[in-house]
Amino acid sequence: MTTQWDADSPIYIQLYQQVIERIMDGNIKEGEALPSVRAVAAEYRLNPITISKAYQMLQDEEIVEKQRGKGLFVLDGAQETVLERERDNFLSNKWPVVLQQITRLNLSVEQLLKPLKENQL
C-alpha cells in the first residue's frame, strides 16, 4: 500500500480502494488474511480507527470476513465480485466521459489501438 495520501479524499476510502485494487490484481488472494489493523496503523502511522473504517467497508460489502481470533480474510469469489463491480462502475460512470472525449477529438479505432499494437511488437 502507498504512503502518499490524496488530500481530497478521506484516508480510509483510499485504504479501502487500495485493498480493492490489490484483490483485483491478485496481489491479495482469496482466503488470504489482511494485515491486522494494528500492523497497518503502525506501518503507515495512522489512527487504528481509520484502518478499521476501511476494513468495515470491506466487510459490509462481503469482500472479507472476520474470523474470530484470527483476523479478516478475503472471501472466496471476492476477486470476481470486485472485478464485476468495478467493470460496471467503469462502464456506467467513466466510459461515457471517455467516449465523449474520443468523439470530441475525432479519434479512430486505429489511433486508439496504436499504443497496444506498438507494445506487442
PDB file of N, CA and C in Angstrom:
ATOM      1  N   MET A   1       0.844  -1.183   0.000  1.00  0.00           N
ATOM      2  CA  MET A   1       0.000   0.000   0.000  1.00  0.00           C
ATOM      3  C   MET A   1       0.886   1.241   0.000  1.00  0.00           C
ATOM      4  N   THR A   2       0.290   2.329  -0.408  1.00  0.00           N
ATOM      5  CA  THR A   2       1.048   3.558  -0.555  1.00  0.00           C
ATOM      6  C   THR A   2       1.028   4.406   0.709  1.00  0.00           C
ATOM      7  N   THR A   3       2.010   5.259   0.836  1.00  0.00           N
ATOM      8  CA  THR A   3       2.027   6.202   1.951  1.00  0.00           C
ATOM      9  C   THR A   3       1.727   7.613   1.463  1.00  0.00           C
ATOM     10  N   GLN A   4       1.491   7.759   0.154  1.00  0.00           N
ATOM     11  CA  GLN A   4       1.110   9.045  -0.409  1.00  0.00           C
ATOM     12  C   GLN A   4      -0.407   9.152  -0.365  1.00  0.00           C
ATOM     13  N   TRP A   5      -0.901  10.090   0.411  1.00  0.00           N
ATOM     14  CA  TRP A   5      -2.347  10.221   0.578  1.00  0.00           C
ATOM     15  C   TRP A   5      -2.854  11.441  -0.179  1.00  0.00           C
ATOM     16  N   ASP A   6      -3.967  11.264  -0.851  1.00  0.00           N
ATOM     17  CA  ASP A   6      -4.614  12.343  -1.587  1.00  0.00           C
ATOM     18  C   ASP A   6      -5.421  13.172  -0.594  1.00  0.00           C
ATOM     19  N   ALA A   7      -5.143  14.459  -0.551  1.00  0.00           N
ATOM     20  CA  ALA A   7      -5.810  15.344   0.413  1.00  0.00           C
ATOM     21  C   ALA A   7      -7.297  15.526   0.113  1.00  0.00           C
ATOM     22  N   ASP A   8      -7.731  15.169  -1.084  1.00  0.00           N
ATOM     23  CA  ASP A   8      -9.124  15.390  -1.478  1.00  0.00           C
ATOM     24  C   ASP A   8     -10.064  14.256  -1.078  1.00  0.00           C
ATOM     25  N   SER A   9      -9.522  13.168  -0.565  1.00  0.00           N
ATOM     26  CA  SER A   9     -10.334  12.009  -0.222  1.00  0.00           C
ATOM     27  C   SER A   9      -9.927  11.484   1.152  1.00  0.00           C
ATOM     28  N   PRO A  10     -10.902  11.050   1.967  1.00  0.00           N
ATOM     29  CA  PRO A  10     -10.548  10.510   3.279  1.00  0.00           C
ATOM     30  C   PRO A  10      -9.591   9.318   3.152  1.00  0.00           C
ATOM     31  N   ILE A  11      -8.674   9.212   4.084  1.00  0.00           N
ATOM     32  CA  ILE A  11      -7.666   8.152   4.033  1.00  0.00           C
ATOM     33  C   ILE A  11      -8.310   6.772   4.097  1.00  0.00           C
ATOM     34  N   TYR A  12      -9.373   6.614   4.876  1.00  0.00           N
ATOM     35  CA  TYR A  12      -9.986   5.286   4.966  1.00  0.00           C
ATOM     36  C   TYR A  12     -10.559   4.857   3.621  1.00  0.00           C
ATOM     37  N   ILE A  13     -11.053   5.801   2.815  1.00  0.00           N
ATOM     38  CA  ILE A  13     -11.555   5.477   1.473  1.00  0.00           C
ATOM     39  C   ILE A  13     -10.380   5.065   0.581  1.00  0.00           C
ATOM     40  N   GLN A  14      -9.273   5.766   0.699  1.00  0.00           N
ATOM     41  CA  GLN A  14      -8.089   5.432  -0.089  1.00  0.00           C
ATOM     42  C   GLN A  14      -7.538   4.059   0.285  1.00  0.00           C
ATOM     43  N   LEU A  15      -7.531   3.750   1.572  1.00  0.00           N
ATOM     44  CA  LEU A  15      -7.100   2.419   2.027  1.00  0.00           C
ATOM     45  C   LEU A  15      -8.021   1.335   1.477  1.00  0.00           C
ATOM     46  N   TYR A  16      -9.306   1.586   1.576  1.00  0.00           N
ATOM     47  CA  TYR A  16     -10.310   0.660   1.050  1.00  0.00           C
ATOM     48  C   TYR A  16     -10.041   0.397  -0.437  1.00  0.00           C
ATOM     49  N   GLN A  17      -9.849   1.478  -1.213  1.00  0.00           N
ATOM     50  CA  GLN A  17      -9.632   1.344  -2.647  1.00  0.00           C
ATOM     51  C   GLN A  17      -8.330   0.599  -2.947  1.00  0.00           C
ATOM     52  N   GLN A  18      -7.309   0.823  -2.140  1.00  0.00           N
ATOM     53  CA  GLN A  18      -6.042   0.106  -2.345  1.00  0.00           C
ATOM     54  C   GLN A  18      -6.217  -1.396  -2.134  1.00  0.00           C
ATOM     55  N   VAL A  19      -6.983  -1.769  -1.118  1.00  0.00           N
ATOM     56  CA  VAL A  19      -7.227  -3.197  -0.882  1.00  0.00           C
ATOM     57  C   VAL A  19      -8.032  -3.776  -2.043  1.00  0.00           C
ATOM     58  N   ILE A  20      -9.049  -3.049  -2.509  1.00  0.00           N
ATOM     59  CA  ILE A  20      -9.858  -3.497  -3.643  1.00  0.00           C
ATOM     60  C   ILE A  20      -8.964  -3.713  -4.866  1.00  0.00           C
ATOM     61  N   GLU A  21      -8.085  -2.764  -5.151  1.00  0.00           N
ATOM     62  CA  GLU A  21      -7.192  -2.874  -6.303  1.00  0.00           C
ATOM     63  C   GLU A  21      -6.240  -4.059  -6.160  1.00  0.00           C
ATOM     64  N   ARG A  22      -5.749  -4.284  -4.957  1.00  0.00           N
ATOM     65  CA  ARG A  22      -4.831  -5.405  -4.745  1.00  0.00           C
ATOM     66  C   ARG A  22      -5.555  -6.743  -4.905  1.00  0.00           C
ATOM     67  N   ILE A  23      -6.824  -6.802  -4.518  1.00  0.00           N
ATOM     68  CA  ILE A  23      -7.615  -8.018  -4.727  1.00  0.00           C
ATOM     69  C   ILE A  23      -7.852  -8.215  -6.223  1.00  0.00           C
ATOM     70  N   MET A  24      -8.227  -7.140  -6.933  1.00  0.00           N
ATOM     71  CA  MET A  24      -8.463  -7.236  -8.380  1.00  0.00           C
ATOM     72  C   MET A  24      -7.213  -7.711  -9.110  1.00  0.00           C
ATOM     73  N   ASP A  25      -6.056  -7.190  -8.711  1.00  0.00           N
ATOM     74  CA  ASP A  25      -4.796  -7.523  -9.368  1.00  0.00           C
ATOM     75  C   ASP A  25      -4.245  -8.881  -8.941  1.00  0.00           C
ATOM     76  N   GLY A  26      -4.866  -9.503  -7.943  1.00  0.00           N
ATOM     77  CA  GLY A  26      -4.402 -10.801  -7.468  1.00  0.00           C
ATOM     78  C   GLY A  26      -3.254 -10.723  -6.487  1.00  0.00           C
ATOM     79  N   ASN A  27      -2.942  -9.528  -6.005  1.00  0.00           N
ATOM     80  CA  ASN A  27      -1.869  -9.369  -5.019  1.00  0.00           C
ATOM     81  C   ASN A  27      -2.308  -9.809  -3.625  1.00  0.00           C
ATOM     82  N   ILE A  28      -3.598  -9.741  -3.379  1.00  0.00           N
ATOM     83  CA  ILE A  28      -4.185 -10.329  -2.173  1.00  0.00           C
ATOM     84  C   ILE A  28      -5.137 -11.394  -2.690  1.00  0.00           C
ATOM     85  N   LYS A  29      -4.884 -12.610  -2.347  1.00  0.00           N
ATOM     86  CA  LYS A  29      -5.637 -13.738  -2.880  1.00  0.00           C
ATOM     87  C   LYS A  29      -6.819 -14.107  -1.985  1.00  0.00           C
ATOM     88  N   GLU A  30      -7.781 -14.777  -2.600  1.00  0.00           N
ATOM     89  CA  GLU A  30      -8.927 -15.280  -1.849  1.00  0.00           C
ATOM     90  C   GLU A  30      -8.437 -16.252  -0.790  1.00  0.00           C
ATOM     91  N   GLY A  31      -8.982 -16.114   0.413  1.00  0.00           N
ATOM     92  CA  GLY A  31      -8.574 -16.952   1.529  1.00  0.00           C
ATOM     93  C   GLY A  31      -7.407 -16.382   2.311  1.00  0.00           C
ATOM     94  N   GLU A  32      -6.767 -15.365   1.781  1.00  0.00           N
ATOM     95  CA  GLU A  32      -5.612 -14.751   2.423  1.00  0.00           C
ATOM     96  C   GLU A  32      -6.064 -13.748   3.487  1.00  0.00           C
ATOM     97  N   ALA A  33      -5.294 -13.651   4.550  1.00  0.00           N
ATOM     98  CA  ALA A  33      -5.586 -12.711   5.630  1.00  0.00           C
ATOM     99  C   ALA A  33      -5.117 -11.311   5.258  1.00  0.00           C
ATOM    100  N   LEU A  34      -5.894 -10.312   5.646  1.00  0.00           N
ATOM    101  CA  LEU A  34      -5.447  -8.926   5.529  1.00  0.00           C
ATOM    102  C   LEU A  34      -4.518  -8.638   6.703  1.00  0.00           C
ATOM    103  N   PRO A  35      -3.600  -7.698   6.531  1.00  0.00           N
ATOM    104  CA  PRO A  35      -2.767  -7.315   7.671  1.00  0.00           C
ATOM    105  C   PRO A  35      -3.656  -6.796   8.803  1.00  0.00           C
ATOM    106  N   SER A  36      -3.233  -6.994  10.027  1.00  0.00           N
ATOM    107  CA  SER A  36      -4.042  -6.549  11.163  1.00  0.00           C
ATOM    108  C   SER A  36      -4.145  -5.032  11.182  1.00  0.00           C
ATOM    109  N   VAL A  37      -5.189  -4.560  11.835  1.00  0.00           N
ATOM    110  CA  VAL A  37      -5.407  -3.118  11.988  1.00  0.00           C
ATOM    111  C   VAL A  37      -4.186  -2.489  12.655  1.00  0.00           C
ATOM    112  N   ARG A  38      -3.696  -3.129  13.699  1.00  0.00           N
ATOM    113  CA  ARG A  38      -2.530  -2.592  14.415  1.00  0.00           C
ATOM    114  C   ARG A  38      -1.293  -2.524  13.532  1.00  0.00           C
ATOM    115  N   ALA A  39      -1.068  -3.564  12.733  1.00  0.00           N
ATOM    116  CA  ALA A  39       0.112  -3.590  11.863  1.00  0.00           C
ATOM    117  C   ALA A  39       0.051  -2.478  10.823  1.00  0.00           C
ATOM    118  N   VAL A  40      -1.120  -2.303  10.205  1.00  0.00           N
ATOM    119  CA  VAL A  40      -1.271  -1.244   9.194  1.00  0.00           C
ATOM    120  C   VAL A  40      -1.143   0.130   9.846  1.00  0.00           C
ATOM    121  N   ALA A  41      -1.767   0.299  10.996  1.00  0.00           N
ATOM    122  CA  ALA A  41      -1.689   1.586  11.707  1.00  0.00           C
ATOM    123  C   ALA A  41      -0.245   1.927  12.053  1.00  0.00           C
ATOM    124  N   ALA A  42       0.503   0.953  12.519  1.00  0.00           N
ATOM    125  CA  ALA A  42       1.895   1.192  12.885  1.00  0.00           C
ATOM    126  C   ALA A  42       2.756   1.466  11.650  1.00  0.00           C
ATOM    127  N   GLU A  43       2.553   0.678  10.612  1.00  0.00           N
ATOM    128  CA  GLU A  43       3.374   0.822   9.407  1.00  0.00           C
ATOM    129  C   GLU A  43       3.180   2.178   8.730  1.00  0.00           C
ATOM    130  N   TYR A  44       1.935   2.652   8.690  1.00  0.00           N
ATOM    131  CA  TYR A  44       1.656   3.902   7.985  1.00  0.00           C
ATOM    132  C   TYR A  44       1.411   5.083   8.918  1.00  0.00           C
ATOM    133  N   ARG A  45       1.596   4.824  10.213  1.00  0.00           N
ATOM    134  CA  ARG A  45       1.422   5.868  11.227  1.00  0.00           C
ATOM    135  C   ARG A  45       0.050   6.530  11.129  1.00  0.00           C
ATOM    136  N   LEU A  46      -0.968   5.677  11.143  1.00  0.00           N
ATOM    137  CA  LEU A  46      -2.347   6.129  11.060  1.00  0.00           C
ATOM    138  C   LEU A  46      -3.098   5.709  12.315  1.00  0.00           C
ATOM    139  N   ASN A  47      -4.180   6.387  12.549  1.00  0.00           N
ATOM    140  CA  ASN A  47      -5.057   6.034  13.652  1.00  0.00           C
ATOM    141  C   ASN A  47      -5.714   4.686  13.325  1.00  0.00           C
ATOM    142  N   PRO A  48      -5.717   3.743  14.266  1.00  0.00           N
ATOM    143  CA  PRO A  48      -6.357   2.445  14.011  1.00  0.00           C
ATOM    144  C   PRO A  48      -7.824   2.561  13.602  1.00  0.00           C
ATOM    145  N   ILE A  49      -8.506   3.601  14.034  1.00  0.00           N
ATOM    146  CA  ILE A  49      -9.911   3.794  13.647  1.00  0.00           C
ATOM    147  C   ILE A  49     -10.024   3.990  12.142  1.00  0.00           C
ATOM    148  N   THR A  50      -9.040   4.653  11.555  1.00  0.00           N
ATOM    149  CA  THR A  50      -9.026   4.868  10.107  1.00  0.00           C
ATOM    150  C   THR A  50      -8.974   3.533   9.375  1.00  0.00           C
ATOM    151  N   ILE A  51      -8.105   2.649   9.806  1.00  0.00           N
ATOM    152  CA  ILE A  51      -7.975   1.334   9.178  1.00  0.00           C
ATOM    153  C   ILE A  51      -9.243   0.518   9.434  1.00  0.00           C
ATOM    154  N   SER A  52      -9.768   0.607  10.627  1.00  0.00           N
ATOM    155  CA  SER A  52     -10.997  -0.119  10.964  1.00  0.00           C
ATOM    156  C   SER A  52     -12.161   0.299  10.074  1.00  0.00           C
ATOM    157  N   LYS A  53     -12.253   1.577   9.757  1.00  0.00           N
ATOM    158  CA  LYS A  53     -13.322   2.057   8.868  1.00  0.00           C
ATOM    159  C   LYS A  53     -13.198   1.424   7.485  1.00  0.00           C
ATOM    160  N   ALA A  54     -11.979   1.398   6.948  1.00  0.00           N
ATOM    161  CA  ALA A  54     -11.750   0.802   5.631  1.00  0.00           C
ATOM    162  C   ALA A  54     -12.092  -0.685   5.659  1.00  0.00           C
ATOM    163  N   TYR A  55     -11.636  -1.367   6.684  1.00  0.00           N
ATOM    164  CA  TYR A  55     -11.896  -2.798   6.808  1.00  0.00           C
ATOM    165  C   TYR A  55     -13.393  -3.074   7.008  1.00  0.00           C
ATOM    166  N   GLN A  56     -14.082  -2.203   7.717  1.00  0.00           N
ATOM    167  CA  GLN A  56     -15.519  -2.379   7.918  1.00  0.00           C
ATOM    168  C   GLN A  56     -16.263  -2.263   6.591  1.00  0.00           C
ATOM    169  N   MET A  57     -15.832  -1.338   5.740  1.00  0.00           N
ATOM    170  CA  MET A  57     -16.453  -1.213   4.413  1.00  0.00           C
ATOM    171  C   MET A  57     -16.296  -2.512   3.622  1.00  0.00           C
ATOM    172  N   LEU A  58     -15.124  -3.116   3.712  1.00  0.00           N
ATOM    173  CA  LEU A  58     -14.881  -4.383   3.015  1.00  0.00           C
ATOM    174  C   LEU A  58     -15.762  -5.503   3.570  1.00  0.00           C
ATOM    175  N   GLN A  59     -15.972  -5.496   4.878  1.00  0.00           N
ATOM    176  CA  GLN A  59     -16.862  -6.494   5.495  1.00  0.00           C
ATOM    177  C   GLN A  59     -18.306  -6.246   5.074  1.00  0.00           C
ATOM    178  N   ASP A  60     -18.722  -4.974   5.084  1.00  0.00           N
ATOM    179  CA  ASP A  60     -20.097  -4.631   4.722  1.00  0.00           C
ATOM    180  C   ASP A  60     -20.417  -5.047   3.288  1.00  0.00           C
ATOM    181  N   GLU A  61     -19.421  -5.001   2.422  1.00  0.00           N
ATOM    182  CA  GLU A  61     -19.607  -5.373   1.018  1.00  0.00           C
ATOM    183  C   GLU A  61     -19.351  -6.861   0.781  1.00  0.00           C
ATOM    184  N   GLU A  62     -19.103  -7.587   1.859  1.00  0.00           N
ATOM    185  CA  GLU A  62     -18.872  -9.027   1.815  1.00  0.00           C
ATOM    186  C   GLU A  62     -17.707  -9.402   0.895  1.00  0.00           C
ATOM    187  N   ILE A  63     -16.639  -8.601   1.000  1.00  0.00           N
ATOM    188  CA  ILE A  63     -15.392  -8.870   0.301  1.00  0.00           C
ATOM    189  C   ILE A  63     -14.464  -9.655   1.227  1.00  0.00           C
ATOM    190  N   VAL A  64     -14.543  -9.334   2.511  1.00  0.00           N
ATOM    191  CA  VAL A  64     -13.762 -10.035   3.528  1.00  0.00           C
ATOM    192  C   VAL A  64     -14.702 -10.466   4.646  1.00  0.00           C
ATOM    193  N   GLU A  65     -14.232 -11.439   5.430  1.00  0.00           N
ATOM    194  CA  GLU A  65     -14.996 -11.857   6.599  1.00  0.00           C
ATOM    195  C   GLU A  65     -14.072 -11.916   7.801  1.00  0.00           C
ATOM    196  N   LYS A  66     -14.650 -11.617   8.936  1.00  0.00           N
ATOM    197  CA  LYS A  66     -13.899 -11.653  10.187  1.00  0.00           C
ATOM    198  C   LYS A  66     -13.991 -13.060  10.760  1.00  0.00           C
ATOM    199  N   GLN A  67     -12.833 -13.619  11.056  1.00  0.00           N
ATOM    200  CA  GLN A  67     -12.788 -14.913  11.733  1.00  0.00           C
ATOM    201  C   GLN A  67     -12.311 -14.641  13.148  1.00  0.00           C
ATOM    202  N   ARG A  68     -13.170 -14.893  14.080  1.00  0.00           N
ATOM    203  CA  ARG A  68     -12.901 -14.563  15.476  1.00  0.00           C
ATOM    204  C   ARG A  68     -11.550 -15.102  15.936  1.00  0.00           C
ATOM    205  N   GLY A  69     -10.750 -14.192  16.451  1.00  0.00           N
ATOM    206  CA  GLY A  69      -9.448 -14.546  16.974  1.00  0.00           C
ATOM    207  C   GLY A  69      -8.356 -14.711  15.926  1.00  0.00           C
ATOM    208  N   LYS A  70      -8.726 -14.617  14.652  1.00  0.00           N
ATOM    209  CA  LYS A  70      -7.752 -14.818  13.578  1.00  0.00           C
ATOM    210  C   LYS A  70      -7.543 -13.570  12.732  1.00  0.00           C
ATOM    211  N   GLY A  71      -8.603 -12.802  12.506  1.00  0.00           N
ATOM    212  CA  GLY A  71      -8.485 -11.600  11.682  1.00  0.00           C
ATOM    213  C   GLY A  71      -9.468 -11.601  10.534  1.00  0.00           C
ATOM    214  N   LEU A  72      -9.157 -10.784   9.526  1.00  0.00           N
ATOM    215  CA  LEU A  72     -10.010 -10.638   8.347  1.00  0.00           C
ATOM    216  C   LEU A  72      -9.411 -11.418   7.179  1.00  0.00           C
ATOM    217  N   PHE A  73     -10.267 -12.132   6.480  1.00  0.00           N
ATOM    218  CA  PHE A  73      -9.833 -12.958   5.357  1.00  0.00           C
ATOM    219  C   PHE A  73     -10.671 -12.638   4.122  1.00  0.00           C
ATOM    220  N   VAL A  74     -10.002 -12.640   2.966  1.00  0.00           N
ATOM    221  CA  VAL A  74     -10.683 -12.390   1.700  1.00  0.00           C
ATOM    222  C   VAL A  74     -11.562 -13.600   1.391  1.00  0.00           C
ATOM    223  N   LEU A  75     -12.819 -13.322   1.077  1.00  0.00           N
ATOM    224  CA  LEU A  75     -13.781 -14.387   0.807  1.00  0.00           C
ATOM    225  C   LEU A  75     -13.550 -15.019  -0.564  1.00  0.00           C
ATOM    226  N   ASP A  76     -13.915 -16.282  -0.692  1.00  0.00           N
ATOM    227  CA  ASP A  76     -13.897 -16.948  -1.990  1.00  0.00           C
ATOM    228  C   ASP A  76     -14.857 -16.210  -2.917  1.00  0.00           C
ATOM    229  N   GLY A  77     -14.426 -15.975  -4.145  1.00  0.00           N
ATOM    230  CA  GLY A  77     -15.249 -15.268  -5.121  1.00  0.00           C
ATOM    231  C   GLY A  77     -15.128 -13.756  -5.045  1.00  0.00           C
ATOM    232  N   ALA A  78     -14.335 -13.258  -4.092  1.00  0.00           N
ATOM    233  CA  ALA A  78     -14.211 -11.805  -3.912  1.00  0.00           C
ATOM    234  C   ALA A  78     -13.595 -11.133  -5.131  1.00  0.00           C
ATOM    235  N   GLN A  79     -12.591 -11.762  -5.722  1.00  0.00           N
ATOM    236  CA  GLN A  79     -11.929 -11.135  -6.870  1.00  0.00           C
ATOM    237  C   GLN A  79     -12.918 -10.933  -8.016  1.00  0.00           C
ATOM    238  N   GLU A  80     -13.699 -11.942  -8.346  1.00  0.00           N
ATOM    239  CA  GLU A  80     -14.673 -11.816  -9.434  1.00  0.00           C
ATOM    240  C   GLU A  80     -15.756 -10.799  -9.076  1.00  0.00           C
ATOM    241  N   THR A  81     -16.193 -10.793  -7.819  1.00  0.00           N
ATOM    242  CA  THR A  81     -17.189  -9.827  -7.370  1.00  0.00           C
ATOM    243  C   THR A  81     -16.678  -8.407  -7.550  1.00  0.00           C
ATOM    244  N   VAL A  82     -15.441  -8.185  -7.124  1.00  0.00           N
ATOM    245  CA  VAL A  82     -14.839  -6.848  -7.224  1.00  0.00           C
ATOM    246  C   VAL A  82     -14.641  -6.469  -8.683  1.00  0.00           C
ATOM    247  N   LEU A  83     -14.122  -7.398  -9.500  1.00  0.00           N
ATOM    248  CA  LEU A  83     -13.922  -7.110 -10.915  1.00  0.00           C
ATOM    249  C   LEU A  83     -15.237  -6.746 -11.600  1.00  0.00           C
ATOM    250  N   GLU A  84     -16.274  -7.504 -11.329  1.00  0.00           N
ATOM    251  CA  GLU A  84     -17.578  -7.245 -11.940  1.00  0.00           C
ATOM    252  C   GLU A  84     -18.116  -5.875 -11.528  1.00  0.00           C
ATOM    253  N   ARG A  85     -18.010  -5.578 -10.249  1.00  0.00           N
ATOM    254  CA  ARG A  85     -18.485  -4.288  -9.755  1.00  0.00           C
ATOM    255  C   ARG A  85     -17.691  -3.131 -10.353  1.00  0.00           C
ATOM    256  N   GLU A  86     -16.368  -3.280 -10.418  1.00  0.00           N
ATOM    257  CA  GLU A  86     -15.524  -2.220 -10.970  1.00  0.00           C
ATOM    258  C   GLU A  86     -15.756  -2.048 -12.469  1.00  0.00           C
ATOM    259  N   ARG A  87     -15.995  -3.149 -13.181  1.00  0.00           N
ATOM    260  CA  ARG A  87     -16.330  -3.050 -14.606  1.00  0.00           C
ATOM    261  C   ARG A  87     -17.631  -2.285 -14.795  1.00  0.00           C
ATOM    262  N   ASP A  88     -18.649  -2.655 -14.018  1.00  0.00           N
ATOM    263  CA  ASP A  88     -19.937  -1.966 -14.112  1.00  0.00           C
ATOM    264  C   ASP A  88     -19.794  -0.486 -13.811  1.00  0.00           C
ATOM    265  N   ASN A  89     -19.016  -0.162 -12.781  1.00  0.00           N
ATOM    266  CA  ASN A  89     -18.781   1.229 -12.420  1.00  0.00           C
ATOM    267  C   ASN A  89     -18.083   1.979 -13.556  1.00  0.00           C
ATOM    268  N   PHE A  90     -17.073   1.347 -14.142  1.00  0.00           N
ATOM    269  CA  PHE A  90     -16.352   1.973 -15.248  1.00  0.00           C
ATOM    270  C   PHE A  90     -17.289   2.224 -16.422  1.00  0.00           C
ATOM    271  N   LEU A  91     -18.043   1.203 -16.818  1.00  0.00           N
ATOM    272  CA  LEU A  91     -18.920   1.340 -17.977  1.00  0.00           C
ATOM    273  C   LEU A  91     -20.061   2.329 -17.740  1.00  0.00           C
ATOM    274  N   SER A  92     -20.534   2.428 -16.519  1.00  0.00           N
ATOM    275  CA  SER A  92     -21.643   3.335 -16.205  1.00  0.00           C
ATOM    276  C   SER A  92     -21.199   4.768 -15.972  1.00  0.00           C
ATOM    277  N   ASN A  93     -20.041   4.945 -15.334  1.00  0.00           N
ATOM    278  CA  ASN A  93     -19.649   6.286 -14.898  1.00  0.00           C
ATOM    279  C   ASN A  93     -18.462   6.880 -15.643  1.00  0.00           C
ATOM    280  N   LYS A  94     -17.458   6.084 -15.912  1.00  0.00           N
ATOM    281  CA  LYS A  94     -16.233   6.629 -16.504  1.00  0.00           C
ATOM    282  C   LYS A  94     -16.221   6.534 -18.029  1.00  0.00           C
ATOM    283  N   TRP A  95     -16.687   5.409 -18.561  1.00  0.00           N
ATOM    284  CA  TRP A  95     -16.654   5.218 -20.000  1.00  0.00           C
ATOM    285  C   TRP A  95     -17.433   6.294 -20.764  1.00  0.00           C
ATOM    286  N   PRO A  96     -18.610   6.708 -20.339  1.00  0.00           N
ATOM    287  CA  PRO A  96     -19.306   7.766 -21.086  1.00  0.00           C
ATOM    288  C   PRO A  96     -18.486   9.050 -21.226  1.00  0.00           C
ATOM    289  N   VAL A  97     -17.733   9.399 -20.200  1.00  0.00           N
ATOM    290  CA  VAL A  97     -16.879  10.589 -20.251  1.00  0.00           C
ATOM    291  C   VAL A  97     -15.729  10.362 -21.239  1.00  0.00           C
ATOM    292  N   VAL A  98     -15.120   9.181 -21.182  1.00  0.00           N
ATOM    293  CA  VAL A  98     -14.031   8.853 -22.098  1.00  0.00           C
ATOM    294  C   VAL A  98     -14.552   8.839 -23.539  1.00  0.00           C
ATOM    295  N   LEU A  99     -15.689   8.207 -23.750  1.00  0.00           N
ATOM    296  CA  LEU A  99     -16.278   8.129 -25.089  1.00  0.00           C
ATOM    297  C   LEU A  99     -16.593   9.521 -25.642  1.00  0.00           C
ATOM    298  N   GLN A 100     -17.088  10.375 -24.790  1.00  0.00           N
ATOM    299  CA  GLN A 100     -17.377  11.752 -25.198  1.00  0.00           C
ATOM    300  C   GLN A 100     -16.089  12.452 -25.652  1.00  0.00           C
ATOM    301  N   GLN A 101     -15.002  12.250 -24.921  1.00  0.00           N
ATOM    302  CA  GLN A 101     -13.715  12.853 -25.278  1.00  0.00           C
ATOM    303  C   GLN A 101     -13.174  12.265 -26.590  1.00  0.00           C
ATOM    304  N   ILE A 102     -13.324  10.963 -26.775  1.00  0.00           N
ATOM    305  CA  ILE A 102     -12.895  10.309 -28.017  1.00  0.00           C
ATOM    306  C   ILE A 102     -13.654  10.902 -29.199  1.00  0.00           C
ATOM    307  N   THR A 103     -14.944  11.061 -29.027  1.00  0.00           N
ATOM    308  CA  THR A 103     -15.779  11.626 -30.087  1.00  0.00           C
ATOM    309  C   THR A 103     -15.389  13.078 -30.366  1.00  0.00           C
ATOM    310  N   ARG A 104     -15.212  13.849 -29.331  1.00  0.00           N
ATOM    311  CA  ARG A 104     -14.836  15.256 -29.470  1.00  0.00           C
ATOM    312  C   ARG A 104     -13.521  15.401 -30.230  1.00  0.00           C
ATOM    313  N   LEU A 105     -12.566  14.496 -29.951  1.00  0.00           N
ATOM    314  CA  LEU A 105     -11.252  14.549 -30.597  1.00  0.00           C
ATOM    315  C   LEU A 105     -11.225  13.848 -31.954  1.00  0.00           C
ATOM    316  N   ASN A 106     -12.354  13.239 -32.311  1.00  0.00           N
ATOM    317  CA  ASN A 106     -12.486  12.537 -33.588  1.00  0.00           C
ATOM    318  C   ASN A 106     -11.374  11.489 -33.762  1.00  0.00           C
ATOM    319  N   LEU A 107     -11.172  10.706 -32.716  1.00  0.00           N
ATOM    320  CA  LEU A 107     -10.157   9.654 -32.748  1.00  0.00           C
ATOM    321  C   LEU A 107     -10.720   8.396 -33.396  1.00  0.00           C
ATOM    322  N   SER A 108      -9.896   7.741 -34.200  1.00  0.00           N
ATOM    323  CA  SER A 108     -10.311   6.492 -34.839  1.00  0.00           C
ATOM    324  C   SER A 108      -9.936   5.311 -33.945  1.00  0.00           C
ATOM    325  N   VAL A 109     -10.521   4.173 -34.261  1.00  0.00           N
ATOM    326  CA  VAL A 109     -10.192   2.946 -33.538  1.00  0.00           C
ATOM    327  C   VAL A 109      -8.704   2.636 -33.716  1.00  0.00           C
ATOM    328  N   GLU A 110      -8.194   2.848 -34.914  1.00  0.00           N
ATOM    329  CA  GLU A 110      -6.783   2.591 -35.194  1.00  0.00           C
ATOM    330  C   GLU A 110      -5.883   3.450 -34.304  1.00  0.00           C
ATOM    331  N   GLN A 111      -6.245   4.726 -34.163  1.00  0.00           N
ATOM    332  CA  GLN A 111      -5.450   5.617 -33.319  1.00  0.00           C
ATOM    333  C   GLN A 111      -5.488   5.172 -31.860  1.00  0.00           C
ATOM    334  N   LEU A 112      -6.631   4.717 -31.423  1.00  0.00           N
ATOM    335  CA  LEU A 112      -6.766   4.279 -30.036  1.00  0.00           C
ATOM    336  C   LEU A 112      -5.994   2.989 -29.770  1.00  0.00           C
ATOM    337  N   LEU A 113      -5.953   2.106 -30.753  1.00  0.00           N
ATOM    338  CA  LEU A 113      -5.294   0.814 -30.574  1.00  0.00           C
ATOM    339  C   LEU A 113      -3.810   0.839 -30.912  1.00  0.00           C
ATOM    340  N   LYS A 114      -3.333   1.906 -31.520  1.00  0.00           N
ATOM    341  CA  LYS A 114      -1.932   2.001 -31.923  1.00  0.00           C
ATOM    342  C   LYS A 114      -0.959   1.734 -30.759  1.00  0.00           C
ATOM    343  N   PRO A 115      -1.150   2.342 -29.580  1.00  0.00           N
ATOM    344  CA  PRO A 115      -0.218   2.050 -28.477  1.00  0.00           C
ATOM    345  C   PRO A 115      -0.203   0.565 -28.090  1.00  0.00           C
ATOM    346  N   LEU A 116      -1.348  -0.103 -28.163  1.00  0.00           N
ATOM    347  CA  LEU A 116      -1.379  -1.524 -27.846  1.00  0.00           C
ATOM    348  C   LEU A 116      -0.596  -2.332 -28.864  1.00  0.00           C
ATOM    349  N   LYS A 117      -0.787  -2.010 -30.127  1.00  0.00           N
ATOM    350  CA  LYS A 117      -0.082  -2.726 -31.194  1.00  0.00           C
ATOM    351  C   LYS A 117       1.413  -2.506 -31.101  1.00  0.00           C
ATOM    352  N   GLU A 118       1.837  -1.296 -30.766  1.00  0.00           N
ATOM    353  CA  GLU A 118       3.258  -0.995 -30.668  1.00  0.00           C
ATOM    354  C   GLU A 118       3.905  -1.766 -29.517  1.00  0.00           C
ATOM    355  N   ASN A 119       3.171  -1.961 -28.427  1.00  0.00           N
ATOM    356  CA  ASN A 119       3.707  -2.711 -27.275  1.00  0.00           C
ATOM    357  C   ASN A 119       3.793  -4.199 -27.541  1.00  0.00           C
ATOM    358  N   GLN A 120       3.032  -4.692 -28.501  1.00  0.00           N
ATOM    359  CA  GLN A 120       3.040  -6.129 -28.819  1.00  0.00           C
ATOM    360  C   GLN A 120       4.183  -6.509 -29.742  1.00  0.00           C
ATOM    361  N   LEU A 121       4.822  -5.531 -30.364  1.00  0.00           N
ATOM    362  CA  LEU A 121       5.918  -5.833 -31.309  1.00  0.00           C
ATOM    363  C   LEU A 121       7.174  -6.215 -30.613  1.00  0.00           C
TER     364      LEU A 121
END
